[in-house]
Amino acid sequence: MSDVVHAVIGAGLRIESLNEHDRLFFRFLPSMTSADGRWYRLPSYEDKIPLLFTIRARKEP
Protein backbone atom coordinates (compact mmCIF):
# COMPACT_ATOMS: atom_id res chain seq x y z
CA MET A 1 0.00 0.00 0.00
CA SER A 2 2.85 2.39 0.70
CA ASP A 3 3.92 2.28 -2.97
CA VAL A 4 0.48 3.51 -4.01
CA VAL A 5 0.37 6.22 -1.35
CA HIS A 6 3.84 7.49 -2.27
CA ALA A 7 2.99 7.45 -5.98
CA VAL A 8 -0.12 9.55 -5.32
CA ILE A 9 1.86 12.04 -3.25
CA GLY A 10 4.68 12.05 -5.79
CA ALA A 11 2.18 12.94 -8.51
CA GLY A 12 1.36 16.13 -6.62
CA LEU A 13 -1.97 14.96 -5.25
CA ARG A 14 -3.26 15.56 -1.73
CA ILE A 15 -4.75 12.49 -0.05
CA GLU A 16 -8.19 13.25 1.36
CA SER A 17 -9.05 9.79 2.65
CA LEU A 18 -7.69 6.27 2.85
CA ASN A 19 -9.95 3.42 3.95
CA GLU A 20 -9.39 -0.29 4.51
CA HIS A 21 -12.13 -2.86 3.98
CA ASP A 22 -12.47 -6.48 5.10
CA ARG A 23 -14.36 -7.55 1.95
CA LEU A 24 -13.91 -7.91 -1.80
CA PHE A 25 -16.35 -7.65 -4.70
CA PHE A 26 -15.09 -10.98 -6.13
CA ARG A 27 -14.30 -14.39 -4.65
CA PHE A 28 -10.51 -14.48 -4.50
CA LEU A 29 -10.16 -17.61 -2.33
CA PRO A 30 -12.36 -20.71 -2.03
CA SER A 31 -12.81 -20.10 1.72
CA MET A 32 -14.47 -16.72 1.11
CA THR A 33 -18.18 -16.46 1.82
CA SER A 34 -20.87 -14.02 0.79
CA ALA A 35 -23.99 -13.14 2.75
CA ASP A 36 -25.50 -10.93 0.05
CA GLY A 37 -24.03 -12.37 -3.17
CA ARG A 38 -22.12 -9.16 -3.86
CA TRP A 39 -19.35 -8.89 -1.25
CA TYR A 40 -17.01 -11.69 -0.15
CA ARG A 41 -15.27 -12.01 3.20
CA LEU A 42 -12.85 -14.35 4.91
CA PRO A 43 -14.89 -15.42 7.95
CA SER A 44 -11.92 -16.48 10.08
CA TYR A 45 -10.11 -13.16 9.44
CA GLU A 46 -13.05 -10.74 9.50
CA ASP A 47 -12.04 -7.38 11.04
CA LYS A 48 -8.42 -8.61 11.31
CA ILE A 49 -6.82 -7.98 7.92
CA PRO A 50 -7.78 -5.60 5.11
CA LEU A 51 -8.60 -7.15 1.74
CA LEU A 52 -9.25 -3.92 -0.15
CA PHE A 53 -8.45 -0.26 0.27
CA THR A 54 -9.86 2.88 -1.27
CA ILE A 55 -8.03 6.15 -1.64
CA ARG A 56 -9.35 9.59 -2.55
CA ALA A 57 -6.94 12.28 -3.67
CA ARG A 58 -7.21 15.70 -5.21
CA LYS A 59 -4.89 17.76 -7.37
CA GLU A 60 -3.85 20.91 -5.59
CA PRO A 61 -4.41 24.10 -7.59
C-alpha atoms as a PDB file:
ATOM      1  CA  MET A   1       0.000   0.000   0.000  1.00  0.00           C
ATOM      2  CA  SER A   2       2.847   2.387   0.703  1.00  0.00           C
ATOM      3  CA  ASP A   3       3.922   2.275  -2.970  1.00  0.00           C
ATOM      4  CA  VAL A   4       0.485   3.514  -4.010  1.00  0.00           C
ATOM      5  CA  VAL A   5       0.367   6.223  -1.350  1.00  0.00           C
ATOM      6  CA  HIS A   6       3.838   7.486  -2.268  1.00  0.00           C
ATOM      7  CA  ALA A   7       2.986   7.450  -5.980  1.00  0.00           C
ATOM      8  CA  VAL A   8      -0.116   9.549  -5.319  1.00  0.00           C
ATOM      9  CA  ILE A   9       1.862  12.037  -3.246  1.00  0.00           C
ATOM     10  CA  GLY A  10       4.681  12.048  -5.794  1.00  0.00           C
ATOM     11  CA  ALA A  11       2.176  12.936  -8.515  1.00  0.00           C
ATOM     12  CA  GLY A  12       1.360  16.129  -6.621  1.00  0.00           C
ATOM     13  CA  LEU A  13      -1.973  14.959  -5.250  1.00  0.00           C
ATOM     14  CA  ARG A  14      -3.259  15.559  -1.726  1.00  0.00           C
ATOM     15  CA  ILE A  15      -4.746  12.489  -0.048  1.00  0.00           C
ATOM     16  CA  GLU A  16      -8.186  13.254   1.360  1.00  0.00           C
ATOM     17  CA  SER A  17      -9.051   9.794   2.655  1.00  0.00           C
ATOM     18  CA  LEU A  18      -7.691   6.269   2.853  1.00  0.00           C
ATOM     19  CA  ASN A  19      -9.950   3.424   3.955  1.00  0.00           C
ATOM     20  CA  GLU A  20      -9.389  -0.291   4.508  1.00  0.00           C
ATOM     21  CA  HIS A  21     -12.128  -2.863   3.977  1.00  0.00           C
ATOM     22  CA  ASP A  22     -12.474  -6.484   5.098  1.00  0.00           C
ATOM     23  CA  ARG A  23     -14.357  -7.546   1.949  1.00  0.00           C
ATOM     24  CA  LEU A  24     -13.906  -7.911  -1.804  1.00  0.00           C
ATOM     25  CA  PHE A  25     -16.346  -7.652  -4.702  1.00  0.00           C
ATOM     26  CA  PHE A  26     -15.093 -10.981  -6.126  1.00  0.00           C
ATOM     27  CA  ARG A  27     -14.300 -14.394  -4.652  1.00  0.00           C
ATOM     28  CA  PHE A  28     -10.507 -14.483  -4.498  1.00  0.00           C
ATOM     29  CA  LEU A  29     -10.157 -17.606  -2.330  1.00  0.00           C
ATOM     30  CA  PRO A  30     -12.356 -20.712  -2.027  1.00  0.00           C
ATOM     31  CA  SER A  31     -12.814 -20.101   1.715  1.00  0.00           C
ATOM     32  CA  MET A  32     -14.465 -16.721   1.110  1.00  0.00           C
ATOM     33  CA  THR A  33     -18.179 -16.459   1.824  1.00  0.00           C
ATOM     34  CA  SER A  34     -20.870 -14.021   0.785  1.00  0.00           C
ATOM     35  CA  ALA A  35     -23.986 -13.144   2.752  1.00  0.00           C
ATOM     36  CA  ASP A  36     -25.501 -10.926   0.047  1.00  0.00           C
ATOM     37  CA  GLY A  37     -24.031 -12.371  -3.167  1.00  0.00           C
ATOM     38  CA  ARG A  38     -22.120  -9.156  -3.865  1.00  0.00           C
ATOM     39  CA  TRP A  39     -19.351  -8.892  -1.248  1.00  0.00           C
ATOM     40  CA  TYR A  40     -17.007 -11.689  -0.153  1.00  0.00           C
ATOM     41  CA  ARG A  41     -15.272 -12.014   3.198  1.00  0.00           C
ATOM     42  CA  LEU A  42     -12.850 -14.353   4.906  1.00  0.00           C
ATOM     43  CA  PRO A  43     -14.892 -15.417   7.951  1.00  0.00           C
ATOM     44  CA  SER A  44     -11.923 -16.481  10.084  1.00  0.00           C
ATOM     45  CA  TYR A  45     -10.115 -13.164   9.442  1.00  0.00           C
ATOM     46  CA  GLU A  46     -13.049 -10.744   9.503  1.00  0.00           C
ATOM     47  CA  ASP A  47     -12.042  -7.382  11.042  1.00  0.00           C
ATOM     48  CA  LYS A  48      -8.424  -8.613  11.308  1.00  0.00           C
ATOM     49  CA  ILE A  49      -6.815  -7.977   7.923  1.00  0.00           C
ATOM     50  CA  PRO A  50      -7.782  -5.604   5.115  1.00  0.00           C
ATOM     51  CA  LEU A  51      -8.604  -7.149   1.738  1.00  0.00           C
ATOM     52  CA  LEU A  52      -9.246  -3.920  -0.146  1.00  0.00           C
ATOM     53  CA  PHE A  53      -8.450  -0.262   0.268  1.00  0.00           C
ATOM     54  CA  THR A  54      -9.863   2.880  -1.267  1.00  0.00           C
ATOM     55  CA  ILE A  55      -8.030   6.151  -1.641  1.00  0.00           C
ATOM     56  CA  ARG A  56      -9.350   9.587  -2.554  1.00  0.00           C
ATOM     57  CA  ALA A  57      -6.940  12.280  -3.668  1.00  0.00           C
ATOM     58  CA  ARG A  58      -7.211  15.700  -5.213  1.00  0.00           C
ATOM     59  CA  LYS A  59      -4.886  17.765  -7.374  1.00  0.00           C
ATOM     60  CA  GLU A  60      -3.850  20.912  -5.586  1.00  0.00           C
ATOM     61  CA  PRO A  61      -4.409  24.102  -7.592  1.00  0.00           C
END
